[in-house]
Amino acid sequence: MLTHEPTAQEIREWKRIFEESRGALVPNRRSGVQVDAYLRAHYPCVPVPSPEMEAVIRENVLENGHDREKLPEGGVPDIRTYRLGEILIGMDLTTGFFQVESEDPAASARVYDDLFVYRGLDAADLENFFLVAQYVTLSNHGRNAK
């Protein structure tokens, strides 16, 4: 989860990781329903109504071309919101887009990063140097931590 303005050095590193990794990666993105099930199985989250978070998720999906393209023709976001302690999580079951918010950026990042790696990347994601670098870095970090 990127929580700061990227530096030129970070961008160069992401592009390097992208170039090194792009031929080895294949689409493996799970559906929003699968990511939602993973979240509920691995975290003690509680469904909570959050019209504000639902509006943010809907707007992000519909206004961001990369995410909007993941909607089937005529499809609309199907949003769920959860609370995990002080963390608020919003997820679109249709596209798999999710957002994690908290006053504690480190806590948010842990959950976001786990969901991001679990969800994986589709063919369009594999063309995005930032997403590929983030996925490879987080996947390797998890492997190295075990």
C-alpha atoms as a PDB file:
ATOM      1  CA  MET A   1       0.000   0.000   0.000  1.00  0.00           C
ATOM      2  CA  LEU A   2       1.538   3.264  -1.078  1.00  0.00           C
ATOM      3  CA  THR A   3       1.096   5.792   1.723  1.00  0.00           C
ATOM      4  CA  HIS A   4       3.329   8.590   0.436  1.00  0.00           C
ATOM      5  CA  GLU A   5       4.231  10.506  -2.700  1.00  0.00           C
ATOM      6  CA  PRO A   6       6.651   8.272  -4.613  1.00  0.00           C
ATOM      7  CA  THR A   7      10.194   9.418  -5.211  1.00  0.00           C
ATOM      8  CA  ALA A   8      11.934   9.269  -8.578  1.00  0.00           C
ATOM      9  CA  GLN A   9      14.181   6.555  -7.148  1.00  0.00           C
ATOM     10  CA  GLU A  10      11.160   4.445  -6.115  1.00  0.00           C
ATOM     11  CA  ILE A  11       9.636   4.814  -9.568  1.00  0.00           C
ATOM     12  CA  ARG A  12      12.899   3.706 -11.205  1.00  0.00           C
ATOM     13  CA  GLU A  13      12.992   0.675  -8.874  1.00  0.00           C
ATOM     14  CA  TRP A  14       9.373  -0.225  -9.661  1.00  0.00           C
ATOM     15  CA  LYS A  15      10.122  -0.052 -13.383  1.00  0.00           C
ATOM     16  CA  ARG A  16      13.204  -2.257 -12.892  1.00  0.00           C
ATOM     17  CA  ILE A  17      11.144  -4.861 -10.988  1.00  0.00           C
ATOM     18  CA  PHE A  18       8.449  -4.656 -13.670  1.00  0.00           C
ATOM     19  CA  GLU A  19      10.938  -5.304 -16.488  1.00  0.00           C
ATOM     20  CA  GLU A  20      12.555  -8.201 -14.600  1.00  0.00           C
ATOM     21  CA  SER A  21       9.234  -9.811 -13.684  1.00  0.00           C
ATOM     22  CA  ARG A  22       6.838  -9.220 -16.536  1.00  0.00           C
ATOM     23  CA  GLY A  23       7.688 -12.361 -18.516  1.00  0.00           C
ATOM     24  CA  ALA A  24       7.422 -14.635 -15.475  1.00  0.00           C
ATOM     25  CA  LEU A  25       3.999 -13.522 -14.237  1.00  0.00           C
ATOM     26  CA  VAL A  26       0.682 -14.840 -15.486  1.00  0.00           C
ATOM     27  CA  PRO A  27      -2.814 -13.556 -14.715  1.00  0.00           C
ATOM     28  CA  ASN A  28      -3.986 -14.975 -11.380  1.00  0.00           C
ATOM     29  CA  ARG A  29      -6.536 -12.436 -10.184  1.00  0.00           C
ATOM     30  CA  ARG A  30      -9.293 -13.780  -7.974  1.00  0.00           C
ATOM     31  CA  SER A  31     -12.829 -12.442  -8.076  1.00  0.00           C
ATOM     32  CA  GLY A  32     -14.240  -9.894  -5.678  1.00  0.00           C
ATOM     33  CA  VAL A  33     -16.406 -12.625  -4.168  1.00  0.00           C
ATOM     34  CA  GLN A  34     -13.286 -14.722  -3.484  1.00  0.00           C
ATOM     35  CA  VAL A  35     -11.442 -11.763  -1.931  1.00  0.00           C
ATOM     36  CA  ASP A  36     -14.477 -11.008   0.235  1.00  0.00           C
ATOM     37  CA  ALA A  37     -14.605 -14.642   1.415  1.00  0.00           C
ATOM     38  CA  TYR A  38     -10.869 -14.562   2.158  1.00  0.00           C
ATOM     39  CA  LEU A  39     -11.250 -11.358   4.190  1.00  0.00           C
ATOM     40  CA  ARG A  40     -14.097 -12.801   6.264  1.00  0.00           C
ATOM     41  CA  ALA A  41     -12.269 -16.127   6.787  1.00  0.00           C
ATOM     42  CA  HIS A  42      -8.939 -14.604   7.842  1.00  0.00           C
ATOM     43  CA  TYR A  43      -9.943 -11.489   9.778  1.00  0.00           C
ATOM     44  CA  PRO A  44     -12.480 -10.985  12.576  1.00  0.00           C
ATOM     45  CA  CYS A  45     -14.254  -8.257  10.615  1.00  0.00           C
ATOM     46  CA  VAL A  46     -17.855  -7.271  11.150  1.00  0.00           C
ATOM     47  CA  PRO A  47     -20.207  -6.086   8.389  1.00  0.00           C
ATOM     48  CA  VAL A  48     -21.171  -2.474   9.046  1.00  0.00           C
ATOM     49  CA  PRO A  49     -23.249  -0.064   7.016  1.00  0.00           C
ATOM     50  CA  SER A  50     -21.128   2.836   5.803  1.00  0.00           C
ATOM     51  CA  PRO A  51     -22.831   4.964   3.168  1.00  0.00           C
ATOM     52  CA  GLU A  52     -19.743   7.187   3.045  1.00  0.00           C
ATOM     53  CA  MET A  53     -17.373   4.292   2.316  1.00  0.00           C
ATOM     54  CA  GLU A  54     -19.842   2.792  -0.151  1.00  0.00           C
ATOM     55  CA  ALA A  55     -19.936   6.111  -2.036  1.00  0.00           C
ATOM     56  CA  VAL A  56     -16.125   6.288  -2.079  1.00  0.00           C
ATOM     57  CA  ILE A  57     -15.813   2.728  -3.403  1.00  0.00           C
ATOM     58  CA  ARG A  58     -18.501   3.294  -6.038  1.00  0.00           C
ATOM     59  CA  GLU A  59     -16.857   6.534  -7.178  1.00  0.00           C
ATOM     60  CA  ASN A  60     -13.393   4.938  -7.314  1.00  0.00           C
ATOM     61  CA  VAL A  61     -14.646   2.035  -9.426  1.00  0.00           C
ATOM     62  CA  LEU A  62     -16.686   4.197 -11.791  1.00  0.00           C
ATOM     63  CA  GLU A  63     -14.220   7.095 -12.144  1.00  0.00           C
ATOM     64  CA  ASN A  64     -10.997   5.079 -12.518  1.00  0.00           C
ATOM     65  CA  GLY A  65     -10.767   3.615 -16.013  1.00  0.00           C
ATOM     66  CA  HIS A  66      -8.565   0.721 -14.873  1.00  0.00           C
ATOM     67  CA  ASP A  67     -11.178  -0.416 -12.346  1.00  0.00           C
ATOM     68  CA  ARG A  68     -14.226   0.529 -14.431  1.00  0.00           C
ATOM     69  CA  GLU A  69     -12.984  -1.776 -17.223  1.00  0.00           C
ATOM     70  CA  LYS A  70     -13.329  -4.707 -14.792  1.00  0.00           C
ATOM     71  CA  LEU A  71     -17.108  -4.180 -14.623  1.00  0.00           C
ATOM     72  CA  PRO A  72     -19.003  -6.480 -16.976  1.00  0.00           C
ATOM     73  CA  GLU A  73     -21.068  -4.682 -19.616  1.00  0.00           C
ATOM     74  CA  GLY A  74     -24.064  -3.206 -17.850  1.00  0.00           C
ATOM     75  CA  GLY A  75     -22.623  -4.248 -14.471  1.00  0.00           C
ATOM     76  CA  VAL A  76     -22.628  -2.068 -11.395  1.00  0.00           C
ATOM     77  CA  PRO A  77     -20.547  -2.179  -8.218  1.00  0.00           C
ATOM     78  CA  ASP A  78     -21.808  -4.512  -5.477  1.00  0.00           C
ATOM     79  CA  ILE A  79     -20.263  -3.057  -2.354  1.00  0.00           C
ATOM     80  CA  ARG A  80     -19.730  -4.511   1.115  1.00  0.00           C
ATOM     81  CA  THR A  81     -18.254  -2.650   4.072  1.00  0.00           C
ATOM     82  CA  TYR A  82     -16.617  -4.086   7.167  1.00  0.00           C
ATOM     83  CA  ARG A  83     -15.025  -2.934  10.379  1.00  0.00           C
ATOM     84  CA  LEU A  84     -11.933  -4.636  11.746  1.00  0.00           C
ATOM     85  CA  GLY A  85     -11.263  -2.840  15.013  1.00  0.00           C
ATOM     86  CA  GLU A  86     -10.516   0.729  13.937  1.00  0.00           C
ATOM     87  CA  ILE A  87     -10.023  -0.274  10.295  1.00  0.00           C
ATOM     88  CA  LEU A  88     -12.804   0.301   7.767  1.00  0.00           C
ATOM     89  CA  ILE A  89     -12.759  -1.898   4.659  1.00  0.00           C
ATOM     90  CA  GLY A  90     -14.866  -1.368   1.575  1.00  0.00           C
ATOM     91  CA  MET A  91     -14.989  -3.907  -1.239  1.00  0.00           C
ATOM     92  CA  ASP A  92     -16.712  -4.183  -4.586  1.00  0.00           C
ATOM     93  CA  LEU A  93     -17.659  -7.793  -5.213  1.00  0.00           C
ATOM     94  CA  THR A  94     -18.077  -7.155  -8.946  1.00  0.00           C
ATOM     95  CA  THR A  95     -14.570  -5.847  -9.730  1.00  0.00           C
ATOM     96  CA  GLY A  96     -12.568  -6.927  -6.699  1.00  0.00           C
ATOM     97  CA  PHE A  97     -11.621  -3.309  -5.946  1.00  0.00           C
ATOM     98  CA  PHE A  98     -11.139  -2.669  -2.240  1.00  0.00           C
ATOM     99  CA  GLN A  99     -10.064   0.135   0.019  1.00  0.00           C
ATOM    100  CA  VAL A 100      -8.729  -0.041   3.571  1.00  0.00           C
ATOM    101  CA  GLU A 101      -8.794   3.009   5.845  1.00  0.00           C
ATOM    102  CA  SER A 102      -7.657   3.665   9.383  1.00  0.00           C
ATOM    103  CA  GLU A 103      -6.063   6.309  11.566  1.00  0.00           C
ATOM    104  CA  ASP A 104      -3.128   3.862  11.806  1.00  0.00           C
ATOM    105  CA  PRO A 105      -1.565   3.633   8.324  1.00  0.00           C
ATOM    106  CA  ALA A 106       0.576   0.628   9.321  1.00  0.00           C
ATOM    107  CA  ALA A 107      -2.487  -1.389  10.371  1.00  0.00           C
ATOM    108  CA  SER A 108      -4.303  -0.447   7.162  1.00  0.00           C
ATOM    109  CA  ALA A 109      -1.267  -1.345   5.065  1.00  0.00           C
ATOM    110  CA  ARG A 110      -0.969  -4.838   6.586  1.00  0.00           C
ATOM    111  CA  VAL A 111      -4.568  -5.696   5.696  1.00  0.00           C
ATOM    112  CA  TYR A 112      -4.422  -3.992   2.296  1.00  0.00           C
ATOM    113  CA  ASP A 113      -1.170  -5.715   1.343  1.00  0.00           C
ATOM    114  CA  ASP A 114      -2.494  -9.130   2.348  1.00  0.00           C
ATOM    115  CA  LEU A 115      -5.696  -8.655   0.330  1.00  0.00           C
ATOM    116  CA  PHE A 116      -3.738  -7.256  -2.627  1.00  0.00           C
ATOM    117  CA  VAL A 117      -1.420 -10.273  -2.827  1.00  0.00           C
ATOM    118  CA  TYR A 118      -4.299 -12.717  -2.319  1.00  0.00           C
ATOM    119  CA  ARG A 119      -6.358 -11.039  -5.065  1.00  0.00           C
ATOM    120  CA  GLY A 120      -3.505 -11.247  -7.575  1.00  0.00           C
ATOM    121  CA  LEU A 121      -3.237  -9.558 -10.965  1.00  0.00           C
ATOM    122  CA  ASP A 122      -5.175  -9.841 -14.200  1.00  0.00           C
ATOM    123  CA  ALA A 123      -3.819  -9.264 -17.715  1.00  0.00           C
ATOM    124  CA  ALA A 124      -4.460  -5.497 -17.564  1.00  0.00           C
ATOM    125  CA  ASP A 125      -2.798  -5.268 -14.132  1.00  0.00           C
ATOM    126  CA  LEU A 126       0.280  -7.023 -15.549  1.00  0.00           C
ATOM    127  CA  GLU A 127       0.802  -4.029 -17.873  1.00  0.00           C
ATOM    128  CA  ASN A 128       0.988  -1.596 -14.922  1.00  0.00           C
ATOM    129  CA  PHE A 129       4.541  -1.238 -13.614  1.00  0.00           C
ATOM    130  CA  PHE A 130       3.444  -0.060 -10.171  1.00  0.00           C
ATOM    131  CA  LEU A 131       0.973  -2.921  -9.613  1.00  0.00           C
ATOM    132  CA  VAL A 132       3.494  -5.516 -10.817  1.00  0.00           C
ATOM    133  CA  ALA A 133       6.275  -4.107  -8.639  1.00  0.00           C
ATOM    134  CA  GLN A 134       3.979  -3.915  -5.615  1.00  0.00           C
ATOM    135  CA  TYR A 135       2.774  -7.490  -6.158  1.00  0.00           C
ATOM    136  CA  VAL A 136       6.274  -8.913  -6.675  1.00  0.00           C
ATOM    137  CA  THR A 137       7.718  -7.039  -3.708  1.00  0.00           C
ATOM    138  CA  LEU A 138       4.909  -8.031  -1.353  1.00  0.00           C
ATOM    139  CA  SER A 139       4.874 -11.631  -2.585  1.00  0.00           C
ATOM    140  CA  ASN A 140       8.631 -11.941  -2.106  1.00  0.00           C
ATOM    141  CA  HIS A 141       8.441 -10.277   1.315  1.00  0.00           C
ATOM    142  CA  GLY A 142       5.867 -12.832   2.456  1.00  0.00           C
ATOM    143  CA  ARG A 143       7.969 -15.689   1.129  1.00  0.00           C
ATOM    144  CA  ASN A 144      11.103 -14.352   2.807  1.00  0.00           C
ATOM    145  CA  ALA A 145       9.272 -13.841   6.114  1.00  0.00           C
ATOM    146  CA  LYS A 146       8.272 -17.514   6.363  1.00  0.00           C
END
